[in-house]
Amino acid sequence: MSVICRPCAKDFIRKKNKWLLKVHTWIKEHGGGVMIPFSVEFEEELWALRGDPDGRQAFLDAAEGAKSSMPKVGCRNSIPVL
């Protein structure tokens, strides 16, 4: 089972949200699976910078190590991950 959780960009970057631990615990208690945090807001900002390598790098540097979740979601073929 895969569960996609949608925190806001701020929570996604911090890797903290009041629901993430609760959802993770529920997944473990109900047969296990994978939890994938996915911030649409973060992905939209990253996608908007696809043509600007310097701006993209600055955005990722400011994101404290956060990376796109698109490869985990399996959207590699539908939306290019730069």
PDB file of N, CA and C in Angstrom:
ATOM      1  N   MET A   1       0.847  -1.162   0.000  1.00  0.00           N
ATOM      2  CA  MET A   1       0.000   0.000   0.000  1.00  0.00           C
ATOM      3  C   MET A   1       0.900   1.234   0.000  1.00  0.00           C
ATOM      4  N   SER A   2       0.539   2.210  -0.811  1.00  0.00           N
ATOM      5  CA  SER A   2       1.229   3.495  -0.834  1.00  0.00           C
ATOM      6  C   SER A   2       0.238   4.577  -0.435  1.00  0.00           C
ATOM      7  N   VAL A   3       0.670   5.456   0.456  1.00  0.00           N
ATOM      8  CA  VAL A   3      -0.168   6.558   0.912  1.00  0.00           C
ATOM      9  C   VAL A   3       0.579   7.854   0.629  1.00  0.00           C
ATOM     10  N   ILE A   4      -0.067   8.746  -0.122  1.00  0.00           N
ATOM     11  CA  ILE A   4       0.537  10.047  -0.403  1.00  0.00           C
ATOM     12  C   ILE A   4      -0.047  11.060   0.571  1.00  0.00           C
ATOM     13  N   CYS A   5       0.825  11.684   1.360  1.00  0.00           N
ATOM     14  CA  CYS A   5       0.408  12.729   2.307  1.00  0.00           C
ATOM     15  C   CYS A   5       0.781  14.064   1.683  1.00  0.00           C
ATOM     16  N   ARG A   6      -0.081  15.049   1.840  1.00  0.00           N
ATOM     17  CA  ARG A   6       0.130  16.332   1.174  1.00  0.00           C
ATOM     18  C   ARG A   6       0.334  17.475   2.159  1.00  0.00           C
ATOM     19  N   PRO A   7       1.536  17.582   2.725  1.00  0.00           N
ATOM     20  CA  PRO A   7       1.805  18.738   3.593  1.00  0.00           C
ATOM     21  C   PRO A   7       2.029  19.995   2.750  1.00  0.00           C
ATOM     22  N   CYS A   8       1.912  21.144   3.386  1.00  0.00           N
ATOM     23  CA  CYS A   8       2.235  22.396   2.689  1.00  0.00           C
ATOM     24  C   CYS A   8       3.745  22.426   2.434  1.00  0.00           C
ATOM     25  N   ALA A   9       4.193  23.340   1.599  1.00  0.00           N
ATOM     26  CA  ALA A   9       5.614  23.419   1.251  1.00  0.00           C
ATOM     27  C   ALA A   9       6.480  23.629   2.485  1.00  0.00           C
ATOM     28  N   LYS A  10       6.031  24.488   3.390  1.00  0.00           N
ATOM     29  CA  LYS A  10       6.798  24.766   4.614  1.00  0.00           C
ATOM     30  C   LYS A  10       7.003  23.491   5.429  1.00  0.00           C
ATOM     31  N   ASP A  11       5.940  22.720   5.634  1.00  0.00           N
ATOM     32  CA  ASP A  11       6.042  21.467   6.396  1.00  0.00           C
ATOM     33  C   ASP A  11       6.849  20.423   5.635  1.00  0.00           C
ATOM     34  N   PHE A  12       6.717  20.398   4.310  1.00  0.00           N
ATOM     35  CA  PHE A  12       7.463  19.454   3.485  1.00  0.00           C
ATOM     36  C   PHE A  12       8.955  19.707   3.624  1.00  0.00           C
ATOM     37  N   ILE A  13       9.354  20.962   3.562  1.00  0.00           N
ATOM     38  CA  ILE A  13      10.771  21.316   3.687  1.00  0.00           C
ATOM     39  C   ILE A  13      11.287  20.989   5.087  1.00  0.00           C
ATOM     40  N   ARG A  14      10.497  21.291   6.115  1.00  0.00           N
ATOM     41  CA  ARG A  14      10.902  21.010   7.495  1.00  0.00           C
ATOM     42  C   ARG A  14      10.840  19.526   7.826  1.00  0.00           C
ATOM     43  N   LYS A  15      10.075  18.773   7.012  1.00  0.00           N
ATOM     44  CA  LYS A  15       9.816  17.352   7.263  1.00  0.00           C
ATOM     45  C   LYS A  15       9.088  17.156   8.581  1.00  0.00           C
ATOM     46  N   LYS A  16       8.232  18.120   8.901  1.00  0.00           N
ATOM     47  CA  LYS A  16       7.447  18.055  10.133  1.00  0.00           C
ATOM     48  C   LYS A  16       6.029  18.512   9.848  1.00  0.00           C
ATOM     49  N   ASN A  17       5.093  17.768  10.419  1.00  0.00           N
ATOM     50  CA  ASN A  17       3.675  18.074  10.274  1.00  0.00           C
ATOM     51  C   ASN A  17       2.967  17.300  11.373  1.00  0.00           C
ATOM     52  N   LYS A  18       1.937  17.872  11.951  1.00  0.00           N
ATOM     53  CA  LYS A  18       1.283  17.199  13.075  1.00  0.00           C
ATOM     54  C   LYS A  18       0.620  15.892  12.661  1.00  0.00           C
ATOM     55  N   TRP A  19       0.377  15.688  11.369  1.00  0.00           N
ATOM     56  CA  TRP A  19      -0.310  14.482  10.912  1.00  0.00           C
ATOM     57  C   TRP A  19       0.629  13.388  10.423  1.00  0.00           C
ATOM     58  N   LEU A  20       1.834  13.712  10.020  1.00  0.00           N
ATOM     59  CA  LEU A  20       2.705  12.715   9.408  1.00  0.00           C
ATOM     60  C   LEU A  20       2.972  11.518  10.308  1.00  0.00           C
ATOM     61  N   LEU A  21       3.284  11.749  11.564  1.00  0.00           N
ATOM     62  CA  LEU A  21       3.540  10.640  12.476  1.00  0.00           C
ATOM     63  C   LEU A  21       2.275   9.810  12.686  1.00  0.00           C
ATOM     64  N   LYS A  22       1.135  10.468  12.807  1.00  0.00           N
ATOM     65  CA  LYS A  22      -0.130   9.750  12.995  1.00  0.00           C
ATOM     66  C   LYS A  22      -0.457   8.883  11.783  1.00  0.00           C
ATOM     67  N   VAL A  23      -0.249   9.422  10.600  1.00  0.00           N
ATOM     68  CA  VAL A  23      -0.513   8.654   9.384  1.00  0.00           C
ATOM     69  C   VAL A  23       0.465   7.494   9.275  1.00  0.00           C
ATOM     70  N   HIS A  24       1.727   7.740   9.560  1.00  0.00           N
ATOM     71  CA  HIS A  24       2.742   6.685   9.511  1.00  0.00           C
ATOM     72  C   HIS A  24       2.406   5.559  10.489  1.00  0.00           C
ATOM     73  N   THR A  25       1.993   5.919  11.683  1.00  0.00           N
ATOM     74  CA  THR A  25       1.603   4.926  12.690  1.00  0.00           C
ATOM     75  C   THR A  25       0.410   4.114  12.198  1.00  0.00           C
ATOM     76  N   TRP A  26      -0.588   4.779  11.613  1.00  0.00           N
ATOM     77  CA  TRP A  26      -1.766   4.090  11.102  1.00  0.00           C
ATOM     78  C   TRP A  26      -1.381   3.102  10.011  1.00  0.00           C
ATOM     79  N   ILE A  27      -0.489   3.503   9.131  1.00  0.00           N
ATOM     80  CA  ILE A  27      -0.046   2.620   8.048  1.00  0.00           C
ATOM     81  C   ILE A  27       0.606   1.371   8.626  1.00  0.00           C
ATOM     82  N   LYS A  28       1.495   1.550   9.609  1.00  0.00           N
ATOM     83  CA  LYS A  28       2.172   0.405  10.232  1.00  0.00           C
ATOM     84  C   LYS A  28       1.176  -0.525  10.907  1.00  0.00           C
ATOM     85  N   GLU A  29       0.170   0.045  11.561  1.00  0.00           N
ATOM     86  CA  GLU A  29      -0.820  -0.757  12.281  1.00  0.00           C
ATOM     87  C   GLU A  29      -1.791  -1.486  11.354  1.00  0.00           C
ATOM     88  N   HIS A  30      -1.885  -1.050  10.117  1.00  0.00           N
ATOM     89  CA  HIS A  30      -2.851  -1.632   9.187  1.00  0.00           C
ATOM     90  C   HIS A  30      -2.174  -2.324   8.003  1.00  0.00           C
ATOM     91  N   GLY A  31      -1.133  -3.050   8.277  1.00  0.00           N
ATOM     92  CA  GLY A  31      -0.513  -3.875   7.247  1.00  0.00           C
ATOM     93  C   GLY A  31       0.753  -3.328   6.625  1.00  0.00           C
ATOM     94  N   GLY A  32       1.165  -2.162   7.006  1.00  0.00           N
ATOM     95  CA  GLY A  32       2.404  -1.595   6.478  1.00  0.00           C
ATOM     96  C   GLY A  32       2.232  -0.991   5.099  1.00  0.00           C
ATOM     97  N   GLY A  33       3.268  -0.424   4.616  1.00  0.00           N
ATOM     98  CA  GLY A  33       3.248   0.223   3.313  1.00  0.00           C
ATOM     99  C   GLY A  33       4.205   1.399   3.286  1.00  0.00           C
ATOM    100  N   VAL A  34       4.057   2.193   2.280  1.00  0.00           N
ATOM    101  CA  VAL A  34       4.950   3.327   2.065  1.00  0.00           C
ATOM    102  C   VAL A  34       4.157   4.620   2.184  1.00  0.00           C
ATOM    103  N   MET A  35       4.700   5.561   2.945  1.00  0.00           N
ATOM    104  CA  MET A  35       4.110   6.888   3.037  1.00  0.00           C
ATOM    105  C   MET A  35       5.010   7.836   2.248  1.00  0.00           C
ATOM    106  N   ILE A  36       4.412   8.576   1.325  1.00  0.00           N
ATOM    107  CA  ILE A  36       5.169   9.507   0.498  1.00  0.00           C
ATOM    108  C   ILE A  36       4.655  10.924   0.746  1.00  0.00           C
ATOM    109  N   PRO A  37       5.422  11.748   1.457  1.00  0.00           N
ATOM    110  CA  PRO A  37       5.035  13.152   1.584  1.00  0.00           C
ATOM    111  C   PRO A  37       5.200  13.832   0.217  1.00  0.00           C
ATOM    112  N   PHE A  38       4.197  14.573  -0.209  1.00  0.00           N
ATOM    113  CA  PHE A  38       4.198  15.197  -1.527  1.00  0.00           C
ATOM    114  C   PHE A  38       3.556  16.572  -1.413  1.00  0.00           C
ATOM    115  N   SER A  39       4.343  17.615  -1.637  1.00  0.00           N
ATOM    116  CA  SER A  39       3.828  18.978  -1.571  1.00  0.00           C
ATOM    117  C   SER A  39       3.622  19.522  -2.978  1.00  0.00           C
ATOM    118  N   VAL A  40       2.370  19.714  -3.345  1.00  0.00           N
ATOM    119  CA  VAL A  40       2.054  20.278  -4.650  1.00  0.00           C
ATOM    120  C   VAL A  40       2.662  21.670  -4.775  1.00  0.00           C
ATOM    121  N   GLU A  41       2.579  22.441  -3.719  1.00  0.00           N
ATOM    122  CA  GLU A  41       3.127  23.804  -3.720  1.00  0.00           C
ATOM    123  C   GLU A  41       4.632  23.784  -4.009  1.00  0.00           C
ATOM    124  N   PHE A  42       5.364  22.889  -3.342  1.00  0.00           N
ATOM    125  CA  PHE A  42       6.809  22.767  -3.545  1.00  0.00           C
ATOM    126  C   PHE A  42       7.105  22.341  -4.983  1.00  0.00           C
ATOM    127  N   GLU A  43       6.372  21.334  -5.477  1.00  0.00           N
ATOM    128  CA  GLU A  43       6.593  20.830  -6.829  1.00  0.00           C
ATOM    129  C   GLU A  43       6.287  21.885  -7.884  1.00  0.00           C
ATOM    130  N   GLU A  44       5.246  22.687  -7.674  1.00  0.00           N
ATOM    131  CA  GLU A  44       4.918  23.753  -8.620  1.00  0.00           C
ATOM    132  C   GLU A  44       6.025  24.800  -8.685  1.00  0.00           C
ATOM    133  N   GLU A  45       6.557  25.172  -7.531  1.00  0.00           N
ATOM    134  CA  GLU A  45       7.639  26.156  -7.506  1.00  0.00           C
ATOM    135  C   GLU A  45       8.882  25.604  -8.190  1.00  0.00           C
ATOM    136  N   LEU A  46       9.180  24.333  -7.925  1.00  0.00           N
ATOM    137  CA  LEU A  46      10.339  23.700  -8.542  1.00  0.00           C
ATOM    138  C   LEU A  46      10.145  23.595 -10.058  1.00  0.00           C
ATOM    139  N   TRP A  47       8.954  23.218 -10.496  1.00  0.00           N
ATOM    140  CA  TRP A  47       8.653  23.095 -11.926  1.00  0.00           C
ATOM    141  C   TRP A  47       8.753  24.451 -12.629  1.00  0.00           C
ATOM    142  N   ALA A  48       8.317  25.498 -11.977  1.00  0.00           N
ATOM    143  CA  ALA A  48       8.371  26.832 -12.573  1.00  0.00           C
ATOM    144  C   ALA A  48       9.811  27.274 -12.846  1.00  0.00           C
ATOM    145  N   LEU A  49      10.760  26.679 -12.146  1.00  0.00           N
ATOM    146  CA  LEU A  49      12.174  27.039 -12.305  1.00  0.00           C
ATOM    147  C   LEU A  49      12.924  26.092 -13.233  1.00  0.00           C
ATOM    148  N   ARG A  50      12.198  25.245 -13.956  1.00  0.00           N
ATOM    149  CA  ARG A  50      12.845  24.222 -14.787  1.00  0.00           C
ATOM    150  C   ARG A  50      13.777  24.808 -15.852  1.00  0.00           C
ATOM    151  N   GLY A  51      13.519  26.015 -16.324  1.00  0.00           N
ATOM    152  CA  GLY A  51      14.364  26.631 -17.342  1.00  0.00           C
ATOM    153  C   GLY A  51      15.439  27.540 -16.777  1.00  0.00           C
ATOM    154  N   ASP A  52      15.547  27.621 -15.478  1.00  0.00           N
ATOM    155  CA  ASP A  52      16.499  28.519 -14.825  1.00  0.00           C
ATOM    156  C   ASP A  52      17.363  27.719 -13.848  1.00  0.00           C
ATOM    157  N   PRO A  53      18.463  27.127 -14.332  1.00  0.00           N
ATOM    158  CA  PRO A  53      19.285  26.273 -13.464  1.00  0.00           C
ATOM    159  C   PRO A  53      19.778  26.965 -12.194  1.00  0.00           C
ATOM    160  N   ASP A  54      20.162  28.247 -12.312  1.00  0.00           N
ATOM    161  CA  ASP A  54      20.664  28.962 -11.136  1.00  0.00           C
ATOM    162  C   ASP A  54      19.542  29.213 -10.132  1.00  0.00           C
ATOM    163  N   GLY A  55      18.367  29.615 -10.629  1.00  0.00           N
ATOM    164  CA  GLY A  55      17.225  29.844  -9.753  1.00  0.00           C
ATOM    165  C   GLY A  55      16.758  28.557  -9.101  1.00  0.00           C
ATOM    166  N   ARG A  56      16.793  27.471  -9.869  1.00  0.00           N
ATOM    167  CA  ARG A  56      16.394  26.153  -9.337  1.00  0.00           C
ATOM    168  C   ARG A  56      17.336  25.732  -8.213  1.00  0.00           C
ATOM    169  N   GLN A  57      18.637  25.922  -8.447  1.00  0.00           N
ATOM    170  CA  GLN A  57      19.612  25.539  -7.419  1.00  0.00           C
ATOM    171  C   GLN A  57      19.451  26.395  -6.174  1.00  0.00           C
ATOM    172  N   ALA A  58      19.197  27.687  -6.359  1.00  0.00           N
ATOM    173  CA  ALA A  58      18.981  28.580  -5.218  1.00  0.00           C
ATOM    174  C   ALA A  58      17.741  28.147  -4.438  1.00  0.00           C
ATOM    175  N   PHE A  59      16.685  27.765  -5.155  1.00  0.00           N
ATOM    176  CA  PHE A  59      15.460  27.290  -4.505  1.00  0.00           C
ATOM    177  C   PHE A  59      15.738  26.023  -3.703  1.00  0.00           C
ATOM    178  N   LEU A  60      16.452  25.070  -4.303  1.00  0.00           N
ATOM    179  CA  LEU A  60      16.757  23.819  -3.601  1.00  0.00           C
ATOM    180  C   LEU A  60      17.685  24.053  -2.412  1.00  0.00           C
ATOM    181  N   ASP A  61      18.637  24.978  -2.550  1.00  0.00           N
ATOM    182  CA  ASP A  61      19.516  25.303  -1.421  1.00  0.00           C
ATOM    183  C   ASP A  61      18.710  25.885  -0.268  1.00  0.00           C
ATOM    184  N   ALA A  62      17.747  26.740  -0.584  1.00  0.00           N
ATOM    185  CA  ALA A  62      16.903  27.345   0.451  1.00  0.00           C
ATOM    186  C   ALA A  62      15.943  26.322   1.053  1.00  0.00           C
ATOM    187  N   ALA A  63      15.717  25.216   0.341  1.00  0.00           N
ATOM    188  CA  ALA A  63      14.776  24.195   0.798  1.00  0.00           C
ATOM    189  C   ALA A  63      15.405  23.203   1.773  1.00  0.00           C
ATOM    190  N   GLU A  64      16.588  23.486   2.239  1.00  0.00           N
ATOM    191  CA  GLU A  64      17.235  22.702   3.302  1.00  0.00           C
ATOM    192  C   GLU A  64      17.300  21.203   2.999  1.00  0.00           C
ATOM    193  N   GLY A  65      17.638  20.865   1.757  1.00  0.00           N
ATOM    194  CA  GLY A  65      17.811  19.457   1.400  1.00  0.00           C
ATOM    195  C   GLY A  65      16.559  18.759   0.897  1.00  0.00           C
ATOM    196  N   ALA A  66      15.439  19.437   0.877  1.00  0.00           N
ATOM    197  CA  ALA A  66      14.218  18.823   0.350  1.00  0.00           C
ATOM    198  C   ALA A  66      14.382  18.614  -1.156  1.00  0.00           C
ATOM    199  N   LYS A  67      13.840  17.496  -1.648  1.00  0.00           N
ATOM    200  CA  LYS A  67      13.922  17.172  -3.065  1.00  0.00           C
ATOM    201  C   LYS A  67      12.529  16.855  -3.588  1.00  0.00           C
ATOM    202  N   SER A  68      12.424  16.830  -4.885  1.00  0.00           N
ATOM    203  CA  SER A  68      11.157  16.485  -5.518  1.00  0.00           C
ATOM    204  C   SER A  68      10.726  15.076  -5.129  1.00  0.00           C
ATOM    205  N   SER A  69       9.430  14.889  -4.932  1.00  0.00           N
ATOM    206  CA  SER A  69       8.876  13.568  -4.634  1.00  0.00           C
ATOM    207  C   SER A  69       8.334  12.892  -5.888  1.00  0.00           C
ATOM    208  N   MET A  70       8.425  13.562  -7.014  1.00  0.00           N
ATOM    209  CA  MET A  70       7.869  13.010  -8.242  1.00  0.00           C
ATOM    210  C   MET A  70       8.416  11.621  -8.581  1.00  0.00           C
ATOM    211  N   PRO A  71       9.726  11.360  -8.457  1.00  0.00           N
ATOM    212  CA  PRO A  71      10.211  10.011  -8.763  1.00  0.00           C
ATOM    213  C   PRO A  71       9.587   8.943  -7.846  1.00  0.00           C
ATOM    214  N   LYS A  72       9.308   9.273  -6.609  1.00  0.00           N
ATOM    215  CA  LYS A  72       8.707   8.317  -5.678  1.00  0.00           C
ATOM    216  C   LYS A  72       7.255   8.026  -6.020  1.00  0.00           C
ATOM    217  N   VAL A  73       6.585   9.030  -6.587  1.00  0.00           N
ATOM    218  CA  VAL A  73       5.177   8.890  -6.921  1.00  0.00           C
ATOM    219  C   VAL A  73       5.027   8.077  -8.209  1.00  0.00           C
ATOM    220  N   GLY A  74       6.069   8.015  -9.011  1.00  0.00           N
ATOM    221  CA  GLY A  74       6.010   7.247 -10.235  1.00  0.00           C
ATOM    222  C   GLY A  74       5.566   8.059 -11.430  1.00  0.00           C
ATOM    223  N   CYS A  75       5.770   9.352 -11.380  1.00  0.00           N
ATOM    224  CA  CYS A  75       5.357  10.228 -12.476  1.00  0.00           C
ATOM    225  C   CYS A  75       6.516  10.580 -13.379  1.00  0.00           C
ATOM    226  N   ARG A  76       7.548   9.823 -13.346  1.00  0.00           N
ATOM    227  CA  ARG A  76       8.742  10.128 -14.124  1.00  0.00           C
ATOM    228  C   ARG A  76       8.466  10.305 -15.594  1.00  0.00           C
ATOM    229  N   ASN A  77       7.617   9.475 -16.175  1.00  0.00           N
ATOM    230  CA  ASN A  77       7.390   9.536 -17.614  1.00  0.00           C
ATOM    231  C   ASN A  77       6.402  10.623 -18.012  1.00  0.00           C
ATOM    232  N   SER A  78       5.561  11.064 -17.096  1.00  0.00           N
ATOM    233  CA  SER A  78       4.567  12.058 -17.467  1.00  0.00           C
ATOM    234  C   SER A  78       5.059  13.483 -17.231  1.00  0.00           C
ATOM    235  N   ILE A  79       5.898  13.687 -16.230  1.00  0.00           N
ATOM    236  CA  ILE A  79       6.434  15.019 -15.938  1.00  0.00           C
ATOM    237  C   ILE A  79       7.945  14.881 -15.736  1.00  0.00           C
ATOM    238  N   PRO A  80       8.740  15.493 -16.602  1.00  0.00           N
ATOM    239  CA  PRO A  80      10.181  15.371 -16.462  1.00  0.00           C
ATOM    240  C   PRO A  80      10.684  15.962 -15.150  1.00  0.00           C
ATOM    241  N   VAL A  81      11.566  15.244 -14.510  1.00  0.00           N
ATOM    242  CA  VAL A  81      12.207  15.719 -13.289  1.00  0.00           C
ATOM    243  C   VAL A  81      13.601  16.172 -13.671  1.00  0.00           C
ATOM    244  N   LEU A  82      13.850  17.450 -13.531  1.00  0.00           N
ATOM    245  CA  LEU A  82      15.139  18.007 -13.938  1.00  0.00           C
ATOM    246  C   LEU A  82      16.123  18.009 -12.809  1.00  0.00           C
TER     247      LEU A  82
END
